[in-house]
C-alpha cells in the first residue's frame, strides 16, 4: 500500500481510504445509472441479444469517467481524480481532449 500511495501521490491513510471509497461508489453508480440510460436510448437486451452487454459496457465507460470526477469532487478529492482522469485518457490515446 505504501508504494501505491507514493505512486499516486497520496499524503495520508485517510486520503487513501477516501480514494478507494470514491472508486467503489463510482463503479457501482455507473453500472446502476447505465440501466435507465440504456432504456432511455432504446438499448434493450431483447433487441440486441448478444451485443447488449458489449454495448452497455461501452456506454458505462463515459458515465464512469464523469461520475469519477463528480464523486471525487463531492468527497473533496477533485484535484486527485481530475489528474487521474487526464493521465488515464492520455494513456488510452485520448489526450487530445485536454489541450494544454
N, C-alpha and C. Protein backbone atom coordinates (compact mmCIF):
# COMPACT_ATOMS: atom_id res chain seq x y z
N UNK A 1 0.82 -1.18 0.00
CA UNK A 1 0.00 0.00 0.00
C UNK A 1 0.87 1.26 0.00
N UNK A 2 2.01 1.16 0.62
CA UNK A 2 2.90 2.31 0.68
C UNK A 2 3.35 2.73 -0.71
N UNK A 3 3.68 1.75 -1.55
CA UNK A 3 4.15 2.09 -2.90
C UNK A 3 3.01 2.67 -3.75
N UNK A 4 1.79 2.17 -3.55
CA UNK A 4 0.64 2.72 -4.28
C UNK A 4 0.36 4.15 -3.84
N UNK A 5 0.46 4.41 -2.54
CA UNK A 5 0.28 5.77 -2.04
C UNK A 5 1.33 6.69 -2.63
N UNK A 6 2.55 6.22 -2.69
CA UNK A 6 3.64 7.04 -3.24
C UNK A 6 3.43 7.26 -4.74
N UNK A 7 3.05 6.22 -5.46
CA UNK A 7 2.83 6.31 -6.90
C UNK A 7 1.72 7.31 -7.23
N UNK A 8 0.65 7.28 -6.44
CA UNK A 8 -0.48 8.17 -6.67
C UNK A 8 -0.30 9.54 -6.03
N UNK A 9 0.73 9.71 -5.22
CA UNK A 9 0.95 10.99 -4.56
C UNK A 9 -0.04 11.26 -3.45
N UNK A 10 -0.47 10.20 -2.78
CA UNK A 10 -1.42 10.32 -1.67
C UNK A 10 -0.65 10.58 -0.39
N UNK A 11 -1.14 11.55 0.38
CA UNK A 11 -0.41 12.01 1.56
C UNK A 11 -0.73 11.24 2.84
N UNK A 12 -1.95 10.76 3.00
CA UNK A 12 -2.33 10.14 4.27
C UNK A 12 -3.17 8.89 4.05
N UNK A 13 -3.30 8.12 5.12
CA UNK A 13 -4.14 6.92 5.06
C UNK A 13 -5.61 7.30 4.88
N UNK A 14 -6.02 8.43 5.44
CA UNK A 14 -7.40 8.88 5.29
C UNK A 14 -7.69 9.19 3.81
N UNK A 15 -6.78 9.90 3.17
CA UNK A 15 -6.96 10.20 1.75
C UNK A 15 -6.99 8.92 0.94
N UNK A 16 -6.15 7.97 1.30
CA UNK A 16 -6.11 6.66 0.62
C UNK A 16 -7.46 5.97 0.74
N UNK A 17 -8.03 5.97 1.93
CA UNK A 17 -9.34 5.35 2.15
C UNK A 17 -10.42 6.07 1.35
N UNK A 18 -10.38 7.38 1.34
CA UNK A 18 -11.37 8.16 0.59
C UNK A 18 -11.28 7.84 -0.90
N UNK A 19 -10.08 7.74 -1.42
CA UNK A 19 -9.89 7.42 -2.85
C UNK A 19 -10.52 6.07 -3.18
N UNK A 20 -10.29 5.08 -2.34
CA UNK A 20 -10.88 3.77 -2.60
C UNK A 20 -12.39 3.78 -2.45
N UNK A 21 -12.91 4.55 -1.52
CA UNK A 21 -14.36 4.69 -1.38
C UNK A 21 -14.96 5.32 -2.63
N UNK A 22 -14.29 6.34 -3.15
CA UNK A 22 -14.77 7.01 -4.37
C UNK A 22 -14.77 6.03 -5.54
N UNK A 23 -13.72 5.24 -5.69
CA UNK A 23 -13.68 4.24 -6.76
C UNK A 23 -14.84 3.24 -6.61
N UNK A 24 -15.10 2.80 -5.40
CA UNK A 24 -16.17 1.83 -5.16
C UNK A 24 -17.54 2.42 -5.48
N UNK A 25 -17.79 3.62 -4.99
CA UNK A 25 -19.07 4.26 -5.25
C UNK A 25 -19.27 4.52 -6.73
N UNK A 26 -18.22 4.98 -7.39
CA UNK A 26 -18.32 5.31 -8.81
C UNK A 26 -18.59 4.08 -9.66
N UNK A 27 -17.91 2.98 -9.37
CA UNK A 27 -18.14 1.75 -10.13
C UNK A 27 -19.57 1.27 -10.01
N UNK A 28 -20.07 1.24 -8.79
CA UNK A 28 -21.45 0.80 -8.57
C UNK A 28 -22.45 1.77 -9.19
N UNK A 29 -22.21 3.06 -9.00
CA UNK A 29 -23.14 4.07 -9.51
C UNK A 29 -23.19 4.08 -11.03
N UNK A 30 -22.05 3.90 -11.69
CA UNK A 30 -22.07 3.92 -13.15
C UNK A 30 -22.84 2.74 -13.72
N UNK A 31 -22.71 1.57 -13.10
CA UNK A 31 -23.48 0.41 -13.55
C UNK A 31 -24.97 0.64 -13.29
N UNK A 32 -25.29 1.22 -12.15
CA UNK A 32 -26.68 1.48 -11.79
C UNK A 32 -27.32 2.52 -12.71
N UNK A 33 -26.57 3.59 -13.02
CA UNK A 33 -27.08 4.67 -13.87
C UNK A 33 -27.21 4.22 -15.32
N UNK A 34 -26.37 3.30 -15.75
CA UNK A 34 -26.41 2.88 -17.15
C UNK A 34 -27.70 2.17 -17.53
N UNK A 35 -28.34 1.50 -16.56
CA UNK A 35 -29.57 0.77 -16.88
C UNK A 35 -30.67 1.70 -17.37
N UNK A 36 -31.05 2.75 -16.61
CA UNK A 36 -32.09 3.64 -17.14
C UNK A 36 -31.62 4.42 -18.37
N UNK A 37 -30.32 4.69 -18.44
CA UNK A 37 -29.78 5.41 -19.60
C UNK A 37 -29.93 4.56 -20.86
N UNK A 38 -29.65 3.26 -20.75
CA UNK A 38 -29.85 2.35 -21.89
C UNK A 38 -31.31 2.33 -22.29
N UNK A 39 -32.20 2.24 -21.31
CA UNK A 39 -33.63 2.23 -21.60
C UNK A 39 -34.04 3.51 -22.32
N UNK A 40 -33.54 4.65 -21.84
CA UNK A 40 -33.85 5.95 -22.43
C UNK A 40 -33.38 6.02 -23.88
N UNK A 41 -32.21 5.42 -24.16
CA UNK A 41 -31.67 5.42 -25.52
C UNK A 41 -32.28 4.33 -26.40
N UNK A 42 -33.09 3.46 -25.81
CA UNK A 42 -33.71 2.39 -26.58
C UNK A 42 -32.80 1.19 -26.77
N UNK A 43 -31.80 1.06 -25.92
CA UNK A 43 -30.88 -0.07 -25.99
C UNK A 43 -31.42 -1.15 -25.05
N UNK A 44 -32.07 -2.14 -25.62
CA UNK A 44 -32.73 -3.17 -24.83
C UNK A 44 -32.12 -4.54 -25.12
N UNK A 45 -32.05 -5.38 -24.10
CA UNK A 45 -31.49 -6.71 -24.24
C UNK A 45 -32.26 -7.54 -25.26
N UNK A 46 -33.56 -7.36 -25.30
CA UNK A 46 -34.40 -8.11 -26.25
C UNK A 46 -34.04 -7.79 -27.70
N UNK A 47 -33.63 -6.55 -27.95
CA UNK A 47 -33.30 -6.12 -29.31
C UNK A 47 -31.89 -6.50 -29.72
N UNK A 48 -30.95 -6.38 -28.79
CA UNK A 48 -29.53 -6.58 -29.14
C UNK A 48 -29.01 -7.97 -28.81
N UNK A 49 -29.71 -8.70 -27.97
CA UNK A 49 -29.33 -10.06 -27.57
C UNK A 49 -27.88 -10.11 -27.11
N UNK A 50 -27.02 -10.79 -27.88
CA UNK A 50 -25.61 -10.96 -27.51
C UNK A 50 -24.88 -9.63 -27.40
N UNK A 51 -25.20 -8.67 -28.22
CA UNK A 51 -24.49 -7.40 -28.28
C UNK A 51 -24.87 -6.43 -27.17
N UNK A 52 -25.89 -6.76 -26.39
CA UNK A 52 -26.34 -5.86 -25.33
C UNK A 52 -25.23 -5.57 -24.32
N UNK A 53 -24.55 -6.60 -23.85
CA UNK A 53 -23.51 -6.41 -22.84
C UNK A 53 -22.34 -5.58 -23.36
N UNK A 54 -21.78 -5.87 -24.54
CA UNK A 54 -20.69 -5.01 -25.03
C UNK A 54 -21.13 -3.56 -25.25
N UNK A 55 -22.35 -3.38 -25.75
CA UNK A 55 -22.84 -2.01 -25.97
C UNK A 55 -23.01 -1.30 -24.63
N UNK A 56 -23.55 -1.99 -23.65
CA UNK A 56 -23.73 -1.38 -22.33
C UNK A 56 -22.39 -1.05 -21.69
N UNK A 57 -21.41 -1.90 -21.84
CA UNK A 57 -20.07 -1.60 -21.30
C UNK A 57 -19.47 -0.36 -21.96
N UNK A 58 -19.67 -0.23 -23.26
CA UNK A 58 -19.20 0.97 -23.95
C UNK A 58 -19.93 2.22 -23.45
N UNK A 59 -21.16 2.07 -23.09
CA UNK A 59 -21.94 3.18 -22.55
C UNK A 59 -21.51 3.52 -21.12
N UNK A 60 -21.18 2.49 -20.34
CA UNK A 60 -20.76 2.71 -18.96
C UNK A 60 -19.46 3.51 -18.90
N UNK A 61 -18.57 3.30 -19.86
CA UNK A 61 -17.25 3.95 -19.80
C UNK A 61 -17.33 5.47 -19.66
N UNK A 62 -18.04 6.20 -20.53
CA UNK A 62 -18.09 7.65 -20.35
C UNK A 62 -18.87 8.06 -19.09
N UNK A 63 -19.87 7.28 -18.73
CA UNK A 63 -20.61 7.58 -17.49
C UNK A 63 -19.66 7.47 -16.31
N UNK A 64 -18.84 6.42 -16.30
CA UNK A 64 -17.87 6.22 -15.22
C UNK A 64 -16.90 7.39 -15.13
N UNK A 65 -16.40 7.86 -16.27
CA UNK A 65 -15.42 8.94 -16.27
C UNK A 65 -16.00 10.20 -15.62
N UNK A 66 -17.22 10.53 -15.98
CA UNK A 66 -17.87 11.72 -15.44
C UNK A 66 -18.15 11.54 -13.95
N UNK A 67 -18.72 10.39 -13.60
CA UNK A 67 -19.04 10.14 -12.19
C UNK A 67 -17.81 10.10 -11.30
N UNK A 68 -16.69 9.63 -11.83
CA UNK A 68 -15.46 9.58 -11.05
C UNK A 68 -15.03 10.97 -10.61
N UNK A 69 -15.04 11.90 -11.53
CA UNK A 69 -14.63 13.27 -11.20
C UNK A 69 -15.67 13.93 -10.28
N UNK A 70 -16.95 13.72 -10.56
CA UNK A 70 -18.01 14.33 -9.74
C UNK A 70 -17.98 13.76 -8.32
N UNK A 71 -17.88 12.45 -8.19
CA UNK A 71 -17.83 11.82 -6.87
C UNK A 71 -16.56 12.24 -6.12
N UNK A 72 -15.45 12.29 -6.84
CA UNK A 72 -14.21 12.77 -6.23
C UNK A 72 -14.35 14.19 -5.71
N UNK A 73 -15.04 15.03 -6.47
CA UNK A 73 -15.29 16.41 -6.04
C UNK A 73 -16.12 16.43 -4.76
N UNK A 74 -17.18 15.61 -4.73
CA UNK A 74 -18.06 15.57 -3.55
C UNK A 74 -17.32 15.09 -2.30
N UNK A 75 -16.29 14.28 -2.48
CA UNK A 75 -15.50 13.79 -1.35
C UNK A 75 -14.25 14.64 -1.11
N UNK A 76 -14.15 15.78 -1.78
CA UNK A 76 -13.02 16.67 -1.56
C UNK A 76 -11.73 16.24 -2.21
N UNK A 77 -11.81 15.39 -3.23
CA UNK A 77 -10.61 14.87 -3.90
C UNK A 77 -10.61 15.19 -5.39
N UNK A 78 -11.18 16.34 -5.74
CA UNK A 78 -11.28 16.72 -7.15
C UNK A 78 -9.91 16.76 -7.81
N UNK A 79 -8.95 17.39 -7.17
CA UNK A 79 -7.62 17.54 -7.77
C UNK A 79 -7.00 16.17 -8.11
N UNK A 80 -7.11 15.23 -7.18
CA UNK A 80 -6.56 13.89 -7.41
C UNK A 80 -7.26 13.22 -8.59
N UNK A 81 -8.59 13.24 -8.59
CA UNK A 81 -9.32 12.50 -9.63
C UNK A 81 -9.28 13.18 -10.98
N UNK A 82 -9.17 14.50 -11.02
CA UNK A 82 -9.02 15.18 -12.30
C UNK A 82 -7.67 14.82 -12.92
N UNK A 83 -6.62 14.81 -12.11
CA UNK A 83 -5.29 14.41 -12.61
C UNK A 83 -5.30 12.93 -13.03
N UNK A 84 -5.95 12.09 -12.24
CA UNK A 84 -6.06 10.67 -12.55
C UNK A 84 -6.77 10.46 -13.88
N UNK A 85 -7.86 11.19 -14.06
CA UNK A 85 -8.65 11.10 -15.29
C UNK A 85 -7.82 11.51 -16.51
N UNK A 86 -7.12 12.62 -16.40
CA UNK A 86 -6.30 13.08 -17.53
C UNK A 86 -5.22 12.07 -17.88
N UNK A 87 -4.54 11.52 -16.86
CA UNK A 87 -3.50 10.51 -17.12
C UNK A 87 -4.08 9.29 -17.81
N UNK A 88 -5.23 8.82 -17.33
CA UNK A 88 -5.83 7.62 -17.89
C UNK A 88 -6.24 7.84 -19.35
N UNK A 89 -6.88 8.96 -19.63
CA UNK A 89 -7.32 9.21 -21.00
C UNK A 89 -6.14 9.44 -21.94
N UNK A 90 -5.08 10.06 -21.46
CA UNK A 90 -3.88 10.23 -22.29
C UNK A 90 -3.27 8.87 -22.64
N UNK A 91 -3.24 7.96 -21.66
CA UNK A 91 -2.69 6.62 -21.90
C UNK A 91 -3.54 5.83 -22.89
N UNK A 92 -4.82 6.17 -22.97
CA UNK A 92 -5.72 5.49 -23.89
C UNK A 92 -5.70 6.14 -25.26
N UNK A 93 -4.86 7.15 -25.45
CA UNK A 93 -4.77 7.83 -26.73
C UNK A 93 -5.80 8.92 -26.92
N UNK A 94 -6.44 9.32 -25.84
CA UNK A 94 -7.46 10.38 -25.93
C UNK A 94 -6.95 11.69 -25.31
N UNK A 95 -5.64 11.86 -25.30
CA UNK A 95 -5.04 13.06 -24.72
C UNK A 95 -5.39 14.33 -25.47
N UNK A 96 -5.82 14.21 -26.72
CA UNK A 96 -6.17 15.38 -27.50
C UNK A 96 -7.35 16.14 -26.88
N UNK A 97 -8.09 15.49 -26.00
CA UNK A 97 -9.23 16.13 -25.34
C UNK A 97 -8.74 17.27 -24.46
N UNK A 98 -7.58 17.12 -23.88
CA UNK A 98 -7.02 18.11 -22.95
C UNK A 98 -5.92 18.87 -23.67
N UNK A 99 -6.24 19.98 -24.25
CA UNK A 99 -5.24 20.80 -24.96
C UNK A 99 -4.56 21.70 -23.94
N UNK A 100 -3.39 21.27 -23.52
CA UNK A 100 -2.63 22.05 -22.54
C UNK A 100 -1.38 22.58 -23.15
